[in-house]
Protein backbone atom coordinates (compact mmCIF):
# COMPACT_ATOMS: atom_id res chain seq x y z
CA MET A 1 26.02 36.66 126.12
CA HIS A 2 29.04 34.56 124.74
CA PRO A 3 32.50 35.92 124.53
CA LEU A 4 32.70 35.57 120.98
CA ALA A 5 29.43 37.90 120.58
CA SER A 6 31.55 40.56 122.65
CA ALA A 7 34.60 40.29 120.43
CA ILE A 8 32.63 40.58 117.11
CA ALA A 9 30.37 43.41 118.41
CA PRO A 10 32.06 46.21 116.75
CA LEU A 11 32.44 44.74 113.37
CA LEU A 12 28.80 43.89 113.37
CA ALA A 13 28.20 47.41 114.18
CA GLN A 14 29.90 48.41 111.24
CA LEU A 15 28.01 45.97 108.81
CA GLY A 16 24.63 46.58 110.17
CA ALA A 17 24.66 43.25 111.55
CA THR A 18 23.56 41.76 115.06
CA ALA A 19 24.21 38.88 117.09
CA VAL A 20 21.29 36.67 118.19
CA PRO A 21 21.71 33.64 120.70
CA VAL A 22 22.03 30.18 118.89
CA GLU A 23 18.68 29.35 120.13
CA ASP A 24 16.78 32.15 118.74
CA ARG A 25 18.61 31.93 115.13
CA GLU A 26 16.70 32.14 112.01
CA PRO A 27 17.55 29.78 108.88
CA SER A 28 19.58 32.94 107.44
CA ASP A 29 21.58 33.45 110.33
CA VAL A 30 24.99 32.43 109.95
CA LEU A 31 26.22 30.18 112.98
CA LEU A 32 29.68 30.91 114.06
CA TYR A 33 31.34 28.18 116.49
CA TRP A 34 33.71 28.44 119.53
CA GLU A 35 35.77 25.63 120.35
CA GLY A 36 33.26 23.14 118.28
CA ALA A 37 30.13 24.19 119.60
CA PRO A 38 27.66 26.67 117.83
CA ALA A 39 28.19 30.15 120.25
CA VAL A 40 26.48 33.37 118.52
CA ALA A 41 24.33 33.31 114.97
CA VAL A 42 25.21 36.37 112.87
CA ARG A 43 21.95 38.25 111.87
CA LEU A 44 23.19 39.89 108.40
CA PRO A 45 20.96 42.83 107.29
CA GLY A 46 18.48 41.74 104.75
CA ALA A 47 17.18 43.83 101.77
CA GLU A 48 14.87 45.50 103.99
CA LEU A 49 17.75 47.15 105.63
CA THR A 50 20.17 49.59 103.84
CA SER A 51 23.23 48.80 101.92
CA ALA A 52 26.89 49.73 102.71
CA LEU A 53 26.58 52.66 100.21
CA ASP A 54 23.26 53.42 101.48
CA ARG A 55 24.48 53.53 105.68
CA LEU A 56 27.58 55.77 104.22
CA ILE A 57 24.93 58.26 102.26
CA ALA A 58 22.98 58.32 105.89
CA GLU A 59 26.50 59.20 107.50
CA VAL A 60 27.30 61.88 105.33
CA GLU A 61 23.73 63.53 105.16
CA ALA A 62 23.44 63.51 109.16
CA GLU A 63 26.99 65.05 109.37
CA LEU A 64 26.02 67.59 106.76
CA GLY A 65 22.65 68.35 108.27
CA ALA A 66 20.83 67.76 105.35
CA ALA A 67 19.27 65.21 102.71
CA LEU A 68 22.47 65.30 99.73
CA PRO A 69 19.78 66.83 96.93
CA GLU A 70 18.89 69.56 99.32
CA LEU A 71 22.60 70.70 99.83
CA PRO A 72 23.74 73.89 97.83
CA ARG A 73 26.78 72.59 95.32
CA ALA A 74 29.68 73.04 97.68
CA ASP A 75 28.08 71.25 100.37
CA LYS A 76 27.60 68.37 97.39
CA GLN A 77 31.18 68.67 96.57
CA ARG A 78 32.14 67.89 99.85
CA ALA A 79 29.52 65.30 100.26
CA VAL A 80 31.71 63.91 97.42
CA ARG A 81 34.93 63.88 99.22
CA LEU A 82 33.34 62.44 102.05
CA LEU A 83 32.18 59.32 100.75
CA GLU A 84 35.64 59.13 98.76
CA GLU A 85 37.53 59.42 101.90
CA ARG A 86 35.25 56.64 103.53
CA GLY A 87 35.71 54.24 100.61
CA ALA A 88 32.31 54.52 99.04
CA PHE A 89 33.84 54.67 95.58
CA THR A 90 35.52 51.28 95.73
CA LEU A 91 31.67 49.68 95.59
CA ARG A 92 30.12 48.81 92.37
CA LYS A 93 28.15 51.26 90.54
CA SER A 94 28.83 53.75 93.56
CA VAL A 95 29.48 56.68 91.03
CA GLU A 96 25.55 56.16 89.59
CA SER A 97 24.19 55.37 93.21
CA VAL A 98 25.75 58.58 94.77
CA ALA A 99 24.45 60.54 91.49
CA LYS A 100 21.12 59.79 91.99
CA ALA A 101 21.34 60.56 95.74
CA LEU A 102 22.64 63.88 95.06
CA GLY A 103 20.05 64.56 92.01
CA VAL A 104 23.21 65.11 89.75
CA SER A 105 24.65 63.61 86.71
CA ARG A 106 27.34 61.04 86.94
CA PHE A 107 29.49 63.49 85.32
CA THR A 108 28.97 65.91 87.56
CA VAL A 109 30.12 63.08 90.29
CA TYR A 110 33.37 62.54 88.09
CA ASN A 111 33.75 66.21 88.16
CA TYR A 112 33.62 66.76 92.12
CA LEU A 113 36.09 63.61 92.29
CA ASN A 114 38.66 65.13 90.15
CA ARG A 115 38.53 68.48 91.91
CA GLU A 116 41.94 69.15 93.90
């Protein structure tokens, strides 16, 4: 494997992307160059894979041990705090998406965010 692929592996893991050998690349892959020559292709997550917010929600569900709608109120509040700490609410339309994932209203999510 090319040294560039090793160097960017942690970044790709966070993005849900994978390094692909140049010879196996697909048209939608991003080709990265090293000293002017193709070194590695990056396969970004497609529509069939989850978005950044979906990944954050999945992480919180795993941490809390249940799907968000199944959580009691106190754990839903904790989930919102965890999502906020991880930057989920910097994403566009995230409050609406988190509200839907929790099975609550946007107003409720805003209330959870404003709690001390």
